Protein backbone atom coordinates (compact mmCIF):
# COMPACT_ATOMS: atom_id res chain seq x y z
CA UNK A 1 -48.29 -75.71 -79.81
CA UNK A 2 -50.50 -73.41 -77.64
CA UNK A 3 -48.66 -72.58 -74.06
CA UNK A 4 -51.33 -73.50 -71.24
CA UNK A 5 -51.67 -71.13 -68.59
CA UNK A 6 -51.49 -72.12 -64.94
CA UNK A 7 -54.68 -72.21 -63.35
CA UNK A 8 -55.58 -69.69 -60.62
CA UNK A 9 -57.00 -71.19 -57.61
CA UNK A 10 -60.21 -69.73 -56.13
CA UNK A 11 -58.13 -68.89 -52.77
CA UNK A 12 -55.77 -66.94 -55.03
CA UNK A 13 -58.88 -64.91 -56.38
CA UNK A 14 -60.22 -64.38 -53.19
CA UNK A 15 -56.58 -63.07 -51.59
CA UNK A 16 -56.44 -60.38 -54.75
CA UNK A 17 -60.11 -59.40 -54.14
CA UNK A 18 -59.28 -58.44 -50.73
CA UNK A 19 -56.44 -56.59 -52.02
CA UNK A 20 -58.15 -54.25 -54.40
CA UNK A 21 -60.18 -51.29 -53.24
CA UNK A 22 -63.99 -51.54 -52.74
CA UNK A 23 -64.31 -48.70 -55.49
CA UNK A 24 -63.18 -51.13 -58.25
CA UNK A 25 -66.63 -52.86 -58.17
CA UNK A 26 -68.41 -49.32 -58.95
CA UNK A 27 -67.32 -48.80 -62.60
CA UNK A 28 -65.12 -50.05 -65.33
CA UNK A 29 -62.32 -46.91 -64.90
CA UNK A 30 -61.93 -48.06 -61.02
CA UNK A 31 -60.95 -51.27 -62.03
CA UNK A 32 -58.74 -50.63 -65.39
CA UNK A 33 -55.45 -49.80 -63.63
CA UNK A 34 -53.08 -51.94 -61.29
CA UNK A 35 -49.76 -51.08 -59.71
CA UNK A 36 -47.94 -54.38 -58.59
CA UNK A 37 -44.65 -53.65 -56.39
CA UNK A 38 -42.15 -56.35 -55.30
CA UNK A 39 -42.23 -55.95 -51.82
CA UNK A 40 -43.98 -53.31 -49.99
CA UNK A 41 -41.66 -53.82 -46.76
CA UNK A 42 -38.84 -51.91 -48.40
CA UNK A 43 -38.85 -48.24 -47.98
CA UNK A 44 -38.45 -47.61 -51.87
CA UNK A 45 -41.41 -49.55 -52.63
CA UNK A 46 -43.37 -47.86 -49.86
CA UNK A 47 -42.30 -44.43 -51.61
CA UNK A 48 -43.62 -45.90 -54.84
CA UNK A 49 -46.79 -46.62 -53.47
CA UNK A 50 -47.19 -43.27 -52.07
CA UNK A 51 -46.37 -41.57 -55.53
CA UNK A 52 -48.68 -44.14 -57.47
CA UNK A 53 -51.82 -43.00 -55.18
CA UNK A 54 -50.74 -39.00 -55.44
CA UNK A 55 -50.26 -39.53 -59.23
CA UNK A 56 -53.67 -41.16 -59.61
CA UNK A 57 -55.48 -38.54 -57.54
CA UNK A 58 -54.15 -35.96 -59.68
CA UNK A 59 -55.41 -37.93 -62.75
CA UNK A 60 -58.71 -38.59 -61.38
CA UNK A 61 -58.62 -42.38 -61.24
CA UNK A 62 -58.67 -45.14 -58.46
CA UNK A 63 -55.97 -47.60 -58.50
CA UNK A 64 -55.29 -50.96 -56.99
CA UNK A 65 -51.57 -51.33 -55.33
CA UNK A 66 -50.55 -54.91 -54.78
CA UNK A 67 -47.90 -56.04 -52.69
CA UNK A 68 -45.48 -59.15 -54.19
CA UNK A 69 -44.39 -59.80 -50.93
CA UNK A 70 -40.93 -60.37 -52.61
CA UNK A 71 -42.45 -63.72 -54.21
CA UNK A 72 -42.47 -64.06 -57.80
CA UNK A 73 -44.82 -66.72 -57.50
CA UNK A 74 -47.49 -64.63 -55.57
CA UNK A 75 -46.86 -61.63 -57.89
CA UNK A 76 -47.61 -63.53 -60.93
CA UNK A 77 -51.04 -64.90 -59.40
CA UNK A 78 -51.68 -61.52 -58.69
CA UNK A 79 -51.33 -60.38 -62.11
CA UNK A 80 -53.25 -63.01 -63.66
CA UNK A 81 -55.88 -62.34 -61.34
CA UNK A 82 -55.95 -58.67 -61.92
CA UNK A 83 -56.50 -59.28 -65.72
CA UNK A 84 -59.59 -61.48 -64.85
CA UNK A 85 -60.87 -58.73 -62.95
CA UNK A 86 -60.72 -56.39 -65.72
CA UNK A 87 -57.56 -54.59 -65.44
CA UNK A 88 -56.63 -52.90 -68.80
CA UNK A 89 -53.12 -51.73 -67.90
CA UNK A 90 -50.50 -52.61 -65.18
CA UNK A 91 -47.72 -50.61 -63.82
CA UNK A 92 -45.21 -53.29 -62.60
CA UNK A 93 -42.13 -53.45 -60.22
CA UNK A 94 -41.09 -57.16 -60.69
CA UNK A 95 -39.48 -59.00 -57.74
CA UNK A 96 -37.17 -60.76 -60.55
CA UNK A 97 -36.74 -59.54 -63.96
CA UNK A 98 -37.17 -62.95 -65.71
CA UNK A 99 -39.45 -64.75 -63.42
CA UNK A 100 -42.72 -62.90 -64.21
CA UNK A 101 -42.24 -63.20 -68.28
CA UNK A 102 -44.91 -66.09 -68.53
CA UNK A 103 -47.45 -63.98 -66.36
CA UNK A 104 -46.57 -60.81 -68.61
CA UNK A 105 -46.89 -63.02 -71.71
CA UNK A 106 -50.43 -63.82 -70.70
CA UNK A 107 -51.16 -60.31 -69.78
CA UNK A 108 -50.45 -59.31 -73.46
CA UNK A 109 -52.31 -62.28 -74.90
CA UNK A 110 -55.33 -60.93 -72.86
CA UNK A 111 -54.60 -57.15 -74.64
CA UNK A 112 -53.46 -55.67 -71.34
CA UNK A 113 -50.91 -53.19 -71.26
CA UNK A 114 -47.56 -53.58 -69.23
CA UNK A 115 -45.15 -50.91 -68.14
CA UNK A 116 -42.06 -51.59 -65.91
CA UNK A 117 -40.81 -49.46 -63.32
CA UNK A 118 -37.94 -49.62 -61.43
CA UNK A 119 -36.56 -52.94 -62.62
CA UNK A 120 -36.67 -54.16 -66.43
CA UNK A 121 -38.59 -57.38 -67.56
CA UNK A 122 -36.68 -59.81 -69.59
CA UNK A 123 -37.70 -63.08 -71.42
CA UNK A 124 -41.09 -61.64 -72.56
CA UNK A 125 -42.39 -62.35 -76.21
CA UNK A 126 -43.19 -58.76 -76.52
CA UNK A 127 -40.78 -56.30 -75.34
CA UNK A 128 -41.96 -54.49 -72.17
CA UNK A 129 -41.51 -50.71 -71.91
CA UNK A 130 -39.35 -49.45 -68.99
CA UNK A 131 -39.91 -46.07 -66.93
CA UNK A 132 -36.64 -45.74 -64.52
CA UNK A 133 -33.45 -44.39 -63.95
CA UNK A 134 -30.39 -45.67 -65.67
CA UNK A 135 -29.12 -47.72 -62.96
CA UNK A 136 -25.88 -48.86 -64.54
CA UNK A 137 -25.18 -44.85 -64.71
CA UNK A 138 -26.16 -44.67 -61.07
CA UNK A 139 -23.58 -47.23 -59.88
CA UNK A 140 -20.90 -45.41 -62.09
CA UNK A 141 -21.63 -42.55 -60.17
CA UNK A 142 -20.89 -44.44 -56.93
CA UNK A 143 -17.69 -45.65 -58.09
CA UNK A 144 -16.75 -42.36 -59.53
CA UNK A 145 -17.29 -40.79 -55.96
CA UNK A 146 -15.02 -43.14 -54.55
CA UNK A 147 -12.18 -42.67 -57.03
CA UNK A 148 -12.49 -38.91 -56.72
CA UNK A 149 -12.33 -39.23 -52.53
CA UNK A 150 -9.52 -41.77 -52.24
CA UNK A 151 -6.95 -40.86 -54.82
CA UNK A 152 -4.44 -43.30 -54.06
CA UNK A 153 -6.53 -46.09 -53.98
CA UNK A 154 -9.41 -47.46 -51.92
CA UNK A 155 -10.81 -51.22 -50.61
CA UNK A 156 -14.22 -51.44 -51.14
CA UNK A 157 -17.13 -53.65 -49.95
CA UNK A 158 -19.98 -54.02 -52.66
CA UNK A 159 -23.62 -55.10 -51.10
CA UNK A 160 -25.93 -55.81 -53.59
CA UNK A 161 -29.50 -56.07 -53.75
CA UNK A 162 -31.62 -59.13 -55.06
CA UNK A 163 -29.58 -61.26 -56.99
CA UNK A 164 -30.91 -61.37 -60.79
CA UNK A 165 -33.08 -58.35 -60.61
CA UNK A 166 -32.16 -55.71 -63.42
CA UNK A 167 -31.24 -53.21 -60.61
CA UNK A 168 -28.76 -55.68 -59.05
CA UNK A 169 -27.11 -56.48 -62.45
CA UNK A 170 -27.06 -52.94 -63.83
CA UNK A 171 -25.83 -51.31 -60.46
CA UNK A 172 -23.25 -53.78 -59.91
CA UNK A 173 -21.90 -53.14 -63.51
CA UNK A 174 -21.84 -49.52 -63.08
CA UNK A 175 -19.97 -50.05 -59.85
CA UNK A 176 -17.33 -52.06 -61.08
CA UNK A 177 -16.99 -49.47 -64.20
CA UNK A 178 -16.75 -46.56 -61.81
CA UNK A 179 -14.14 -47.91 -59.84
CA UNK A 180 -12.06 -49.54 -62.88
CA UNK A 181 -11.74 -45.89 -64.11
CA UNK A 182 -9.51 -45.26 -61.16
CA UNK A 183 -7.24 -48.06 -62.16
CA UNK A 184 -5.85 -51.07 -60.21
CA UNK A 185 -5.74 -49.14 -56.98
CA UNK A 186 -9.33 -49.47 -56.53
CA UNK A 187 -10.36 -53.12 -55.31
CA UNK A 188 -13.56 -54.77 -54.32
CA UNK A 189 -12.44 -56.77 -51.41
CA UNK A 190 -15.90 -58.35 -50.92
CA UNK A 191 -19.10 -58.46 -52.69
CA UNK A 192 -22.41 -60.26 -51.34
CA UNK A 193 -25.99 -59.78 -51.43
CA UNK A 194 -28.35 -58.39 -48.51
CA UNK A 195 -31.50 -58.73 -50.63
CA UNK A 196 -32.45 -55.18 -50.18
CA UNK A 197 -32.80 -55.71 -46.24
CA UNK A 198 -31.52 -53.51 -43.65
CA UNK A 199 -31.05 -56.61 -40.98
CA UNK A 200 -29.26 -58.79 -43.55
CA UNK A 201 -26.99 -56.04 -44.61
CA UNK A 202 -26.11 -55.53 -40.93
CA UNK A 203 -25.08 -59.21 -40.57
CA UNK A 204 -23.38 -58.87 -43.86
CA UNK A 205 -21.36 -55.93 -42.38
CA UNK A 206 -20.54 -57.27 -39.45
CA UNK A 207 -19.40 -60.60 -41.01
CA UNK A 208 -17.10 -58.72 -43.19
CA UNK A 209 -15.54 -56.29 -40.52
CA UNK A 210 -14.71 -59.47 -38.45
CA UNK A 211 -13.01 -61.31 -41.36
CA UNK A 212 -10.90 -58.21 -41.92
CA UNK A 213 -10.03 -57.76 -38.34
CA UNK A 214 -8.23 -54.61 -37.37
CA UNK A 215 -8.04 -53.50 -41.18
CA UNK A 216 -11.42 -52.43 -42.29
CA UNK A 217 -12.54 -51.14 -45.92
CA UNK A 218 -12.33 -47.57 -46.91
CA UNK A 219 -15.81 -47.76 -48.35
CA UNK A 220 -18.94 -49.52 -48.37
CA UNK A 221 -21.19 -49.34 -51.25
CA UNK A 222 -24.69 -50.47 -51.17
CA UNK A 223 -27.30 -50.76 -53.84
CA UNK A 224 -30.27 -49.44 -51.88
CA UNK A 225 -30.20 -46.94 -48.98
CA UNK A 226 -31.80 -49.55 -46.57
CA UNK A 227 -28.89 -51.83 -46.53
CA UNK A 228 -26.72 -48.63 -46.30
CA UNK A 229 -28.47 -47.84 -42.87
CA UNK A 230 -28.20 -51.41 -41.74
CA UNK A 231 -24.14 -51.27 -42.79
CA UNK A 232 -23.82 -47.91 -40.86
CA UNK A 233 -25.20 -49.76 -37.62
CA UNK A 234 -22.86 -52.66 -37.95
CA UNK A 235 -20.28 -50.16 -38.05
CA UNK A 236 -21.38 -48.34 -35.43
CA UNK A 237 -21.85 -51.28 -33.27
CA UNK A 238 -18.25 -52.77 -33.96
CA UNK A 239 -16.90 -49.24 -32.57
CA UNK A 240 -15.16 -47.99 -35.90
CA UNK A 241 -15.12 -44.11 -35.66
CA UNK A 242 -17.42 -42.25 -37.59
CA UNK A 243 -16.47 -41.69 -40.81
CA UNK A 244 -13.53 -44.02 -40.95
CA UNK A 245 -15.46 -46.11 -43.48
CA UNK A 246 -17.45 -44.19 -46.05
CA UNK A 247 -20.82 -45.51 -46.71
CA UNK A 248 -22.73 -44.97 -49.81
CA UNK A 249 -26.32 -45.88 -50.95
CA UNK A 250 -29.01 -45.66 -53.53
CA UNK A 251 -32.66 -44.41 -53.55
CA UNK A 252 -32.30 -40.98 -51.47
CA UNK A 253 -34.68 -41.91 -49.20
CA UNK A 254 -35.60 -39.51 -46.54
CA UNK A 255 -33.79 -41.17 -43.81
CA UNK A 256 -30.41 -41.47 -45.97
CA UNK A 257 -30.54 -37.81 -46.62
CA UNK A 258 -31.05 -37.26 -42.76
CA UNK A 259 -28.06 -39.60 -42.43
CA UNK A 260 -25.94 -37.53 -45.10
CA UNK A 261 -27.08 -34.27 -43.11
CA UNK A 262 -25.72 -35.95 -40.12
CA UNK A 263 -22.25 -37.08 -41.71
CA UNK A 264 -22.73 -40.71 -41.32
CA UNK A 265 -23.74 -41.38 -44.91
CA UNK A 266 -21.29 -39.85 -47.88
CA UNK A 267 -23.75 -40.12 -50.34
CA UNK A 268 -26.44 -41.62 -52.28
CA UNK A 269 -28.25 -41.83 -55.72
CA UNK A 270 -31.64 -39.97 -56.56
CA UNK A 271 -33.49 -41.99 -59.11
CA UNK A 272 -36.65 -39.65 -59.04
CA UNK A 273 -39.27 -42.23 -57.83
CA UNK A 274 -42.14 -39.82 -58.07
CA UNK A 275 -41.28 -38.87 -61.76
CA UNK A 276 -40.98 -42.44 -62.36
CA UNK A 277 -44.30 -43.39 -60.95
CA UNK A 278 -46.18 -40.21 -62.53
CA UNK A 279 -44.63 -41.15 -66.02
CA UNK A 280 -45.65 -44.67 -65.73
CA UNK A 281 -49.02 -43.84 -64.70
CA UNK A 282 -49.39 -41.50 -67.52
CA UNK A 283 -48.13 -44.01 -70.11
CA UNK A 284 -50.62 -46.33 -68.60
CA UNK A 285 -53.78 -43.73 -68.95
CA UNK A 286 -52.74 -43.26 -72.48
CA UNK A 287 -52.82 -47.08 -73.51
CA UNK A 288 -56.18 -47.25 -71.53
CA UNK A 289 -57.63 -44.17 -73.09
CA UNK A 290 -56.33 -43.96 -76.60
CA UNK A 291 -55.00 -47.29 -77.23
CA UNK A 292 -51.58 -45.61 -77.51
CA UNK A 293 -48.53 -48.00 -77.16
CA UNK A 294 -46.68 -47.23 -73.98
CA UNK A 295 -43.19 -45.94 -74.19
CA UNK A 296 -39.90 -46.41 -72.40
CA UNK A 297 -38.44 -43.29 -70.48
CA UNK A 298 -35.11 -43.27 -69.15
CA UNK A 299 -34.31 -40.94 -66.29
CA UNK A 300 -30.95 -39.66 -65.26
CA UNK A 301 -29.71 -40.35 -62.09
CA UNK A 302 -28.00 -37.66 -59.48
CA UNK A 303 -25.22 -38.14 -56.86
CA UNK A 304 -26.33 -36.67 -53.79
CA UNK A 305 -23.73 -35.42 -51.47
CA UNK A 306 -23.55 -33.04 -48.37
CA UNK A 307 -22.67 -30.51 -51.45
CA UNK A 308 -26.26 -30.77 -53.26
CA UNK A 309 -28.26 -32.06 -50.10
CA UNK A 310 -30.48 -29.26 -49.76
CA UNK A 311 -31.65 -29.52 -53.39
CA UNK A 312 -32.42 -33.36 -52.70
CA UNK A 313 -34.45 -32.64 -49.77
CA UNK A 314 -36.51 -29.97 -51.01
CA UNK A 315 -37.43 -32.13 -54.00
CA UNK A 316 -38.39 -35.08 -51.76
CA UNK A 317 -40.50 -32.66 -49.72
CA UNK A 318 -42.07 -31.45 -52.59
CA UNK A 319 -43.16 -35.04 -53.93
CA UNK A 320 -44.61 -36.23 -50.56
């Protein structure tokens, strides 16, 4: 039986129409490439948007960058509307790894190429190529840092991003594996989500510190940098001495690099968002121009500490 597609409302089309650049109406080329990001209120998505625009300028094309606003239903509507308006390829950072599968299946049926970036897509009839870092390896790097810096063992708090996203699943698995390599002396004493939010991470950390009383954890691992900065604020507000609790993040955004330089944060993971986006857009344009099938590309994550901070800062500045 043929699967029936959800109907797009006129309102949804009007909303998307406002999101697309005016240049999209001038020629077919300008309507063909769309970048859909899960939530532009997060610093990492803001970086991805900037790098998408840079990559498009270098390639001489105009793109539409759409904000899923952390809502899989909205992102699904955006994707279907983009296809109706003539998109031939979509670079997609999904809000949820599985929830967008029906919309992506519809895109494939319409002949639209889809390349996932940052987070994998699951549950689609046709596998979706993924361009991004090895998130499990990134998580292992964080766990290994704790093992190397606490040879007698450590009590660790893990604050995760959106539950169900591939980044949450893979990074969490990697952290557990990295800590397990150190033996039974390395324990995760609390594991909670803060949905990639600085404010939520602040609250989660405050609650954990209150519950632990005068016996704070040795390390707090956060699966993105914005949550790490929220954890730092909670630690400061609780009056815990600077450096008493080691805080680690993931993304190597400029604010996190500055916190490492100041001695507030211990480490973060660089996952090369500029290279991710440039690669994904290249794959998308190849699909549009030559009909080539987009390919998956996995990038190696790099642990950033005070020891190699200068290299990371130079790379970040060059990508701006």
